């Protein structure tokens, strides 16, 4: 269940509210009863898969010197 907290109370209890959000609770922060922001837990990123780009070939043209016209555009 989402709880609504007044902005003044949220400022005085921010650490506790963040702990509750990290535990999975969703908290709405409101001013005069109008919701302004939502405090919620971050989703956990998927674990990294080693070797995902194995076999990726970078063409030699990527390391070739630029044409003088292209160099002039960067200056």
N, C-alpha and C. Protein backbone atom coordinates (compact mmCIF):
# COMPACT_ATOMS: atom_id res chain seq x y z
N UNK A 1 0.84 -1.17 0.00
CA UNK A 1 0.00 0.00 0.00
C UNK A 1 0.89 1.24 0.00
N UNK A 2 0.53 2.20 -0.81
CA UNK A 2 1.29 3.44 -0.91
C UNK A 2 0.87 4.40 0.20
N UNK A 3 1.86 4.94 0.90
CA UNK A 3 1.57 5.91 1.96
C UNK A 3 1.92 7.30 1.45
N UNK A 4 1.11 8.29 1.80
CA UNK A 4 1.36 9.67 1.45
C UNK A 4 1.91 10.40 2.67
N UNK A 5 3.03 11.11 2.45
CA UNK A 5 3.69 11.83 3.54
C UNK A 5 3.81 13.29 3.13
N UNK A 6 3.48 14.18 4.06
CA UNK A 6 3.62 15.61 3.82
C UNK A 6 5.09 15.95 3.65
N UNK A 7 5.40 16.94 2.83
CA UNK A 7 6.78 17.29 2.52
C UNK A 7 7.56 17.70 3.77
N UNK A 8 6.92 18.37 4.69
CA UNK A 8 7.60 18.76 5.94
C UNK A 8 8.01 17.52 6.73
N UNK A 9 7.10 16.56 6.85
CA UNK A 9 7.42 15.32 7.55
C UNK A 9 8.47 14.51 6.80
N UNK A 10 8.43 14.56 5.48
CA UNK A 10 9.41 13.83 4.69
C UNK A 10 10.82 14.38 4.92
N UNK A 11 10.92 15.70 5.07
CA UNK A 11 12.24 16.30 5.32
C UNK A 11 12.79 15.86 6.67
N UNK A 12 11.92 15.75 7.66
CA UNK A 12 12.40 15.39 9.00
C UNK A 12 12.63 13.89 9.14
N UNK A 13 12.05 13.07 8.26
CA UNK A 13 12.16 11.62 8.36
C UNK A 13 12.78 10.99 7.13
N UNK A 14 13.57 11.73 6.37
CA UNK A 14 14.06 11.24 5.09
C UNK A 14 14.81 9.92 5.20
N UNK A 15 15.68 9.78 6.17
CA UNK A 15 16.46 8.54 6.31
C UNK A 15 15.54 7.34 6.50
N UNK A 16 14.53 7.48 7.36
CA UNK A 16 13.59 6.38 7.59
C UNK A 16 12.77 6.07 6.34
N UNK A 17 12.36 7.13 5.64
CA UNK A 17 11.57 6.92 4.42
C UNK A 17 12.40 6.23 3.34
N UNK A 18 13.66 6.59 3.21
CA UNK A 18 14.54 5.94 2.23
C UNK A 18 14.73 4.48 2.60
N UNK A 19 14.90 4.18 3.87
CA UNK A 19 15.04 2.78 4.30
C UNK A 19 13.78 1.98 3.95
N UNK A 20 12.62 2.59 4.18
CA UNK A 20 11.37 1.90 3.86
C UNK A 20 11.23 1.69 2.36
N UNK A 21 11.63 2.69 1.58
CA UNK A 21 11.56 2.54 0.12
C UNK A 21 12.53 1.47 -0.36
N UNK A 22 13.71 1.42 0.23
CA UNK A 22 14.69 0.40 -0.15
C UNK A 22 14.18 -1.00 0.18
N UNK A 23 13.32 -1.09 1.20
CA UNK A 23 12.75 -2.38 1.58
C UNK A 23 11.58 -2.78 0.67
N UNK A 24 11.20 -1.89 -0.26
CA UNK A 24 10.16 -2.25 -1.22
C UNK A 24 8.89 -1.44 -1.13
N UNK A 25 8.80 -0.54 -0.18
CA UNK A 25 7.59 0.26 -0.01
C UNK A 25 7.63 1.47 -0.94
N UNK A 26 6.46 1.89 -1.41
CA UNK A 26 6.35 3.09 -2.24
C UNK A 26 5.71 4.19 -1.41
N UNK A 27 6.32 5.39 -1.43
CA UNK A 27 5.86 6.50 -0.60
C UNK A 27 5.65 7.72 -1.49
N UNK A 28 4.49 8.34 -1.39
CA UNK A 28 4.21 9.57 -2.11
C UNK A 28 4.53 10.75 -1.21
N UNK A 29 5.22 11.73 -1.74
CA UNK A 29 5.52 12.96 -1.00
C UNK A 29 4.59 14.04 -1.55
N UNK A 30 3.85 14.70 -0.62
CA UNK A 30 2.82 15.65 -1.04
C UNK A 30 2.99 16.99 -0.35
N UNK A 31 2.44 18.00 -0.99
CA UNK A 31 2.35 19.33 -0.38
C UNK A 31 0.87 19.68 -0.34
N UNK A 32 0.35 19.93 0.84
CA UNK A 32 -1.07 20.24 1.04
C UNK A 32 -1.97 19.17 0.44
N UNK A 33 -1.54 17.92 0.57
CA UNK A 33 -2.35 16.81 0.09
C UNK A 33 -2.21 16.51 -1.40
N UNK A 34 -1.47 17.33 -2.15
CA UNK A 34 -1.27 17.10 -3.58
C UNK A 34 0.05 16.38 -3.80
N UNK A 35 0.02 15.16 -4.33
CA UNK A 35 1.27 14.42 -4.55
C UNK A 35 2.22 15.16 -5.48
N UNK A 36 3.49 15.22 -5.08
CA UNK A 36 4.52 15.89 -5.87
C UNK A 36 5.60 14.93 -6.37
N UNK A 37 5.92 13.92 -5.57
CA UNK A 37 7.01 13.01 -5.92
C UNK A 37 6.71 11.62 -5.37
N UNK A 38 7.38 10.65 -5.96
CA UNK A 38 7.22 9.26 -5.51
C UNK A 38 8.59 8.74 -5.10
N UNK A 39 8.66 8.19 -3.91
CA UNK A 39 9.89 7.58 -3.40
C UNK A 39 9.66 6.08 -3.48
N UNK A 40 10.49 5.40 -4.26
CA UNK A 40 10.29 3.97 -4.48
C UNK A 40 11.64 3.28 -4.64
N UNK A 41 11.68 1.98 -4.47
CA UNK A 41 12.96 1.28 -4.58
C UNK A 41 13.44 1.24 -6.02
N UNK A 42 14.74 1.24 -6.19
CA UNK A 42 15.32 1.06 -7.52
C UNK A 42 15.24 -0.40 -7.90
N UNK A 43 15.02 -0.65 -9.16
CA UNK A 43 15.04 -2.04 -9.60
C UNK A 43 16.49 -2.51 -9.66
N UNK A 44 16.71 -3.74 -9.33
CA UNK A 44 18.07 -4.27 -9.35
C UNK A 44 18.46 -4.57 -10.79
N UNK A 45 19.65 -4.14 -11.20
CA UNK A 45 20.06 -4.41 -12.58
C UNK A 45 20.33 -5.89 -12.80
N UNK A 46 20.18 -6.31 -14.03
CA UNK A 46 20.47 -7.72 -14.37
C UNK A 46 21.97 -7.94 -14.22
N UNK A 47 22.36 -9.12 -13.77
CA UNK A 47 23.79 -9.38 -13.63
C UNK A 47 24.48 -9.33 -14.99
N UNK A 48 25.70 -8.86 -14.98
CA UNK A 48 26.49 -8.74 -16.20
C UNK A 48 26.84 -10.13 -16.73
N UNK A 49 26.73 -10.29 -18.05
CA UNK A 49 27.08 -11.55 -18.68
C UNK A 49 28.46 -11.41 -19.31
N UNK A 50 29.48 -12.04 -18.72
CA UNK A 50 30.82 -11.93 -19.29
C UNK A 50 30.88 -12.53 -20.69
N UNK A 51 31.65 -11.91 -21.55
CA UNK A 51 31.84 -12.43 -22.90
C UNK A 51 30.72 -12.10 -23.85
N UNK A 52 29.86 -11.17 -23.48
CA UNK A 52 28.72 -10.84 -24.32
C UNK A 52 29.16 -10.30 -25.69
N UNK A 53 30.27 -9.56 -25.74
CA UNK A 53 30.75 -8.98 -27.00
C UNK A 53 31.90 -9.78 -27.62
N UNK A 54 32.08 -11.00 -27.17
CA UNK A 54 33.15 -11.84 -27.71
C UNK A 54 32.94 -12.01 -29.21
N UNK A 55 34.01 -11.87 -29.97
CA UNK A 55 33.94 -12.04 -31.41
C UNK A 55 33.58 -10.77 -32.16
N UNK A 56 33.32 -9.69 -31.43
CA UNK A 56 33.01 -8.42 -32.09
C UNK A 56 34.28 -7.89 -32.74
N UNK A 57 34.20 -7.61 -34.02
CA UNK A 57 35.37 -7.13 -34.75
C UNK A 57 35.21 -5.63 -35.02
N UNK A 58 36.25 -4.88 -34.72
CA UNK A 58 36.27 -3.45 -35.03
C UNK A 58 37.04 -3.29 -36.33
N UNK A 59 36.42 -2.68 -37.35
CA UNK A 59 37.12 -2.55 -38.64
C UNK A 59 38.35 -1.66 -38.51
N UNK A 60 39.36 -1.97 -39.30
CA UNK A 60 40.61 -1.19 -39.28
C UNK A 60 40.36 0.26 -39.67
N UNK A 61 39.32 0.52 -40.44
CA UNK A 61 39.02 1.89 -40.86
C UNK A 61 38.70 2.79 -39.67
N UNK A 62 38.30 2.21 -38.57
CA UNK A 62 38.00 3.00 -37.38
C UNK A 62 39.25 3.66 -36.80
N UNK A 63 40.41 3.10 -37.10
CA UNK A 63 41.67 3.63 -36.57
C UNK A 63 42.49 4.36 -37.63
N UNK A 64 41.96 4.50 -38.82
CA UNK A 64 42.67 5.19 -39.90
C UNK A 64 42.65 6.69 -39.64
N UNK A 65 43.68 7.40 -40.08
CA UNK A 65 43.70 8.86 -39.91
C UNK A 65 42.54 9.51 -40.67
N UNK A 66 42.08 10.64 -40.17
CA UNK A 66 40.99 11.36 -40.82
C UNK A 66 41.50 12.07 -42.07
N UNK A 67 40.59 12.27 -43.01
CA UNK A 67 40.91 13.08 -44.19
C UNK A 67 41.14 14.52 -43.73
N UNK A 68 41.96 15.26 -44.47
CA UNK A 68 42.20 16.67 -44.09
C UNK A 68 40.91 17.48 -44.02
N UNK A 69 39.94 17.19 -44.89
CA UNK A 69 38.66 17.92 -44.84
C UNK A 69 37.93 17.65 -43.53
N UNK A 70 37.97 16.40 -43.05
CA UNK A 70 37.32 16.06 -41.79
C UNK A 70 38.04 16.70 -40.61
N UNK A 71 39.36 16.75 -40.66
CA UNK A 71 40.14 17.38 -39.61
C UNK A 71 39.79 18.86 -39.53
N UNK A 72 39.61 19.49 -40.68
CA UNK A 72 39.28 20.92 -40.69
C UNK A 72 37.92 21.17 -40.04
N UNK A 73 37.00 20.24 -40.15
CA UNK A 73 35.69 20.40 -39.52
C UNK A 73 35.79 20.39 -37.99
N UNK A 74 36.79 19.71 -37.45
CA UNK A 74 36.97 19.59 -35.99
C UNK A 74 37.75 20.76 -35.40
N UNK A 75 38.37 21.54 -36.25
CA UNK A 75 39.20 22.65 -35.75
C UNK A 75 38.41 23.91 -35.57
